[in-house]
Protein backbone atom coordinates (compact mmCIF):
# COMPACT_ATOMS: atom_id res chain seq x y z
CA UNK A 1 -0.06 0.06 0.31
CA UNK A 2 1.45 3.31 -1.12
CA UNK A 3 2.69 5.34 1.93
CA UNK A 4 2.36 9.51 1.94
CA UNK A 5 3.26 11.67 4.71
CA UNK A 6 0.82 14.57 5.51
CA UNK A 7 2.03 17.36 7.68
CA UNK A 8 -0.48 19.82 9.34
CA UNK A 9 1.29 23.14 9.98
CA UNK A 10 -0.77 25.72 12.17
CA UNK A 11 -0.07 29.21 13.75
CA UNK A 12 -2.19 27.97 16.75
CA UNK A 13 -3.05 24.24 18.16
CA UNK A 14 -3.06 22.87 14.82
CA UNK A 15 -6.94 21.67 15.72
CA UNK A 16 -8.19 22.96 12.58
CA UNK A 17 -5.69 21.79 10.09
CA UNK A 18 -5.89 18.38 11.43
CA UNK A 19 -9.73 18.25 11.02
CA UNK A 20 -10.08 19.81 7.51
CA UNK A 21 -6.93 17.78 6.18
CA UNK A 22 -8.21 14.39 7.74
CA UNK A 23 -11.71 15.09 6.42
CA UNK A 24 -9.94 15.19 2.95
CA UNK A 25 -7.51 12.29 3.17
CA UNK A 26 -9.89 9.96 4.74
CA UNK A 27 -11.56 9.78 1.14
CA UNK A 28 -8.45 7.88 0.16
CA UNK A 29 -8.72 4.65 1.58
CA UNK A 30 -6.08 2.62 -0.81
CA UNK A 31 -3.18 5.19 0.84
CA UNK A 32 -1.42 4.98 4.21
CA UNK A 33 -0.50 8.05 5.72
CA UNK A 34 1.85 9.23 8.16
CA UNK A 35 0.49 12.22 10.07
CA UNK A 36 2.53 15.33 11.60
CA UNK A 37 1.38 18.04 13.56
CA UNK A 38 3.70 20.88 13.63
CA UNK A 39 2.08 23.69 15.75
CA UNK A 40 2.57 27.35 16.62
CA UNK A 41 4.54 28.36 13.56
CA UNK A 42 3.89 32.10 14.12
CA UNK A 43 6.96 33.83 13.05
CA UNK A 44 8.97 33.85 9.68
CA UNK A 45 11.98 32.34 11.73
CA UNK A 46 9.90 29.24 12.99
CA UNK A 47 8.49 28.96 9.45
CA UNK A 48 11.88 28.70 7.99
CA UNK A 49 12.86 25.81 10.67
CA UNK A 50 9.35 24.14 10.49
CA UNK A 51 9.88 24.03 6.36
CA UNK A 52 13.21 22.85 6.54
CA UNK A 53 12.37 20.29 9.34
CA UNK A 54 8.95 18.95 6.72
CA UNK A 55 12.16 18.75 3.53
CA UNK A 56 14.53 16.76 5.89
CA UNK A 57 11.57 13.95 6.27
CA UNK A 58 10.37 14.44 2.51
CA UNK A 59 14.21 13.50 1.46
CA UNK A 60 14.64 10.87 3.73
CA UNK A 61 10.99 9.04 2.70
CA UNK A 62 11.71 9.81 -1.02
CA UNK A 63 8.82 11.04 -1.82
CA UNK A 64 6.87 14.73 -1.60
CA UNK A 65 4.90 15.61 1.20
CA UNK A 66 1.40 16.87 1.50
CA UNK A 67 1.07 20.01 3.65
CA UNK A 68 -2.13 21.28 4.93
CA UNK A 69 -1.63 24.81 6.27
CA UNK A 70 -4.22 27.12 8.44
CA UNK A 71 -1.36 29.91 8.64
CA UNK A 72 -2.87 33.44 8.81
CA UNK A 73 0.17 35.63 8.10
CA UNK A 74 1.20 35.83 4.88
CA UNK A 75 4.78 36.31 5.33
CA UNK A 76 4.54 33.27 7.74
CA UNK A 77 2.51 31.23 5.13
CA UNK A 78 4.56 32.26 1.72
CA UNK A 79 7.75 31.24 3.81
CA UNK A 80 6.89 27.90 4.50
CA UNK A 81 4.96 27.50 1.01
CA UNK A 82 8.64 28.28 -0.99
CA UNK A 83 10.83 26.12 1.18
CA UNK A 84 8.41 23.07 1.50
CA UNK A 85 7.93 23.68 -2.53
CA UNK A 86 11.30 22.53 -3.23
CA UNK A 87 10.82 19.26 -2.41
CA UNK A 88 7.68 19.50 -4.83
CA UNK A 89 5.36 19.54 -1.86
CA UNK A 90 1.60 19.99 -2.46
CA UNK A 91 1.03 22.78 -0.19
CA UNK A 92 -2.69 23.54 0.71
CA UNK A 93 -3.57 26.66 2.65
CA UNK A 94 -7.24 27.08 4.09
CA UNK A 95 -7.20 30.56 4.78
CA UNK A 96 -5.59 31.36 1.66
CA UNK A 97 -8.03 29.32 -0.06
CA UNK A 98 -11.24 30.66 1.12
CA UNK A 99 -10.54 34.03 2.82
CA UNK A 100 -10.11 36.05 -0.16
CA UNK A 101 -13.51 34.95 -1.64
CA UNK A 102 -14.94 35.53 1.27
CA UNK A 103 -13.42 38.92 1.71
CA UNK A 104 -14.96 40.04 -1.71
CA UNK A 105 -18.24 38.58 -0.78
CA UNK A 106 -18.69 40.45 2.39
CA UNK A 107 -16.77 43.59 0.98
CA UNK A 108 -14.71 43.83 4.40
CA UNK A 109 -11.15 42.93 4.84
CA UNK A 110 -10.54 39.83 7.34
CA UNK A 111 -8.57 40.46 10.67
CA UNK A 112 -5.86 37.98 9.74
CA UNK A 113 -5.32 37.19 13.43
CA UNK A 114 -3.95 34.05 15.15
CA UNK A 115 -5.86 31.54 17.00
CA UNK A 116 -9.24 33.47 16.86
CA UNK A 117 -11.46 30.28 16.40
CA UNK A 118 -9.66 28.40 19.69
CA UNK A 119 -9.78 31.93 21.43
CA UNK A 120 -12.58 32.47 24.04
CA UNK A 121 -14.77 34.90 22.85
CA UNK A 122 -17.89 33.95 24.83
CA UNK A 123 -17.49 33.26 28.24
CA UNK A 124 -21.16 32.38 28.89
CA UNK A 125 -20.67 29.73 26.74
CA UNK A 126 -17.30 28.47 27.86
CA UNK A 127 -18.59 27.83 31.62
CA UNK A 128 -21.48 26.05 30.23
CA UNK A 129 -19.22 23.67 28.54
CA UNK A 130 -16.91 23.26 31.93
CA UNK A 131 -19.90 22.80 33.71
CA UNK A 132 -21.40 20.23 31.20
CA UNK A 133 -17.77 18.46 31.58
CA UNK A 134 -17.95 18.06 34.91
CA UNK A 135 -21.57 17.06 34.98
CA UNK A 136 -20.42 14.14 32.72
CA UNK A 137 -17.84 12.88 34.82
CA UNK A 138 -20.03 13.03 38.02
CA UNK A 139 -22.48 11.16 36.14
CA UNK A 140 -20.86 8.47 34.25
CA UNK A 141 -21.77 4.95 34.35
CA UNK A 142 -24.65 4.87 36.72
CA UNK A 143 -23.38 7.25 39.07
CA UNK A 144 -25.65 10.15 41.20
CA UNK A 145 -29.01 9.02 39.06
CA UNK A 146 -30.81 11.59 41.32
CA UNK A 147 -28.91 14.62 39.17
CA UNK A 148 -30.62 12.88 36.05
CA UNK A 149 -33.21 16.12 36.11
CA UNK A 150 -30.39 18.22 35.23
CA UNK A 151 -29.34 15.95 31.99
CA UNK A 152 -30.43 16.63 28.40
CA UNK A 153 -29.48 13.41 27.58
CA UNK A 154 -29.12 9.98 29.18
CA UNK A 155 -26.96 7.27 27.33
CA UNK A 156 -27.31 3.58 27.98
CA UNK A 157 -26.01 0.67 26.68
CA UNK A 158 -23.97 -2.35 27.73
CA UNK A 159 -20.15 -2.05 29.11
CA UNK A 160 -17.78 -0.46 26.45
CA UNK A 161 -20.36 0.49 23.83
CA UNK A 162 -19.06 3.96 23.77
CA UNK A 163 -21.40 5.94 26.29
CA UNK A 164 -18.35 7.03 28.45
CA UNK A 165 -16.55 9.03 25.46
CA UNK A 166 -19.63 10.10 23.62
CA UNK A 167 -20.90 11.86 26.76
CA UNK A 168 -17.45 13.95 27.45
CA UNK A 169 -17.55 14.67 23.53
CA UNK A 170 -20.75 16.24 23.81
CA UNK A 171 -19.82 18.37 27.03
CA UNK A 172 -16.84 19.63 25.79
CA UNK A 173 -17.87 20.18 22.13
CA UNK A 174 -21.30 21.14 22.33
CA UNK A 175 -22.07 22.00 26.24
CA UNK A 176 -25.06 19.12 26.53
CA UNK A 177 -25.57 17.35 29.97
CA UNK A 178 -25.01 14.05 29.41
CA UNK A 179 -25.52 11.36 31.57
CA UNK A 180 -24.88 7.35 30.75
CA UNK A 181 -26.12 4.44 32.38
CA UNK A 182 -25.18 1.10 31.85
CA UNK A 183 -27.38 -2.18 31.13
CA UNK A 184 -26.24 -4.84 33.00
CA UNK A 185 -27.55 -8.24 35.07
CA UNK A 186 -31.72 -8.17 35.53
CA UNK A 187 -32.33 -5.10 33.22
CA UNK A 188 -30.76 -7.23 30.43
CA UNK A 189 -32.46 -10.33 31.32
CA UNK A 190 -36.24 -9.03 31.94
CA UNK A 191 -35.47 -6.24 29.07
CA UNK A 192 -36.32 -3.56 31.28
CA UNK A 193 -35.53 -0.19 31.87
CA UNK A 194 -33.62 0.43 35.20
CA UNK A 195 -35.46 2.05 37.80
CA UNK A 196 -33.20 5.16 38.10
CA UNK A 197 -34.46 5.97 34.27
CA UNK A 198 -38.14 5.51 35.00
CA UNK A 199 -38.73 9.14 35.20
CA UNK A 200 -36.47 10.24 32.18
CA UNK A 201 -37.72 8.06 29.26
CA UNK A 202 -37.67 11.34 27.26
CA UNK A 203 -33.81 12.05 27.84
CA UNK A 204 -32.71 8.07 26.78
CA UNK A 205 -30.74 7.38 24.08
CA UNK A 206 -29.43 3.84 23.50
CA UNK A 207 -25.89 2.65 22.06
CA UNK A 208 -25.40 -0.96 20.49
CA UNK A 209 -22.64 -2.16 19.33
CA UNK A 210 -21.34 -5.42 16.61
CA UNK A 211 -20.66 -8.34 19.12
CA UNK A 212 -17.15 -8.93 17.34
CA UNK A 213 -15.87 -5.34 18.29
CA UNK A 214 -17.14 -5.43 21.74
CA UNK A 215 -15.81 -8.74 22.18
CA UNK A 216 -12.52 -6.78 20.88
CA UNK A 217 -12.80 -4.18 23.34
CA UNK A 218 -13.68 -5.87 26.09
CA UNK A 219 -10.99 -8.43 25.75
CA UNK A 220 -8.12 -5.82 25.97
CA UNK A 221 -9.53 -4.60 29.65
CA UNK A 222 -8.07 -8.14 30.82
CA UNK A 223 -11.43 -8.61 33.32
CA UNK A 224 -12.28 -12.04 32.66
CA UNK A 225 -13.22 -14.56 29.94
CA UNK A 226 -16.82 -14.49 30.40
CA UNK A 227 -16.88 -10.60 30.05
CA UNK A 228 -15.65 -10.83 26.93
CA UNK A 229 -16.76 -14.46 25.58
CA UNK A 230 -18.68 -14.22 22.34
CA UNK A 231 -21.66 -16.07 23.80
CA UNK A 232 -21.88 -13.52 26.64
CA UNK A 233 -21.41 -10.29 24.18
CA UNK A 234 -23.97 -11.79 21.98
CA UNK A 235 -26.30 -12.20 24.63
CA UNK A 236 -26.06 -8.44 25.91
CA UNK A 237 -26.10 -7.09 22.68
CA UNK A 238 -29.24 -8.73 21.76
CA UNK A 239 -31.32 -8.23 24.99
CA UNK A 240 -29.94 -4.25 24.72
CA UNK A 241 -31.57 -4.23 21.13
CA UNK A 242 -34.24 -6.08 21.78
CA UNK A 243 -35.17 -3.66 24.72
CA UNK A 244 -34.89 -0.30 22.70
CA UNK A 245 -36.82 -2.07 19.96
CA UNK A 246 -39.50 -3.29 22.84
CA UNK A 247 -39.76 0.48 24.56
CA UNK A 248 -39.41 2.49 21.44
CA UNK A 249 -36.36 3.80 22.12
CA UNK A 250 -34.21 5.54 20.03
CA UNK A 251 -30.81 4.09 19.50
CA UNK A 252 -27.53 3.68 17.21
CA UNK A 253 -25.06 1.41 16.26
CA UNK A 254 -21.78 2.56 17.34
CA UNK A 255 -19.29 -0.26 15.73
CA UNK A 256 -18.62 2.11 12.70
CA UNK A 257 -18.79 5.74 13.54
CA UNK A 258 -15.69 8.00 15.22
CA UNK A 259 -17.24 9.51 18.61
CA UNK A 260 -17.40 13.04 16.56
CA UNK A 261 -20.05 10.98 14.15
CA UNK A 262 -21.69 9.47 16.94
CA UNK A 263 -22.33 12.93 18.99
CA UNK A 264 -23.74 14.46 15.34
CA UNK A 265 -25.96 11.66 14.83
CA UNK A 266 -27.28 12.08 18.29
CA UNK A 267 -28.12 15.76 18.65
CA UNK A 268 -29.34 15.10 15.11
CA UNK A 269 -31.92 12.66 16.16
CA UNK A 270 -32.62 14.32 19.30
CA UNK A 271 -33.02 17.91 17.92
CA UNK A 272 -30.71 19.26 21.00
CA UNK A 273 -29.29 22.26 20.62
CA UNK A 274 -25.54 22.71 19.48
CA UNK A 275 -23.86 25.13 22.17
CA UNK A 276 -20.76 25.59 20.23
CA UNK A 277 -18.83 29.16 21.32
CA UNK A 278 -18.94 32.28 18.98
């Protein structure tokens, strides 16, 4: 399989370059990518050092790199571009591609300020996300069900189906107060809603997962053979899904979904507000 090296170069954290770049290269499943993030390239001197390191890597690996950039300052961006193109690198800058047409459309020049998208511009929304994060941590895995009155959402599913990371992502990214509750023992055998959830039916959303994947996740924990056995995981998933269907609880299969996609699909299905900072 063809191997290529991809660099995400940014004058701040690199999150935007990574996110946009990953979305594009994910469309090429016949290739393998080595991904390297180069953050905080905020001056011409740093740009020169970063670009030379990219060129060194390209020469060692024997193939031109792909460079995704979110460099706002033109002199920094041009410095990186000029140096990396010595190795025939494909240089793609997102700001260069989109800011110019946006400036023409709006009739205004952009501020060309570094790190704006990741700075705190709305403290109320920021505080909401921190509060939601604390809520998710204190209401994880069935803890403190008396606090579910404050919950926007309660994820339910068998152990290791992805409840905790999804709740944390919903909290940190969107300010959603998300709790989660495990389906175990008699709840699965009798296909019933756990008693602490009786008064919160309208907040419940189910997660399911394919047996093979669940077995792999449980085996990695090394708790015990029965916990990860094909028979046990198949039984739990079958009972959980039957419970969801019988009680008309909406649910999603998490097997092939990233946490980001899971969160987005759940928000779309439940019509919960996405409380992003602005």
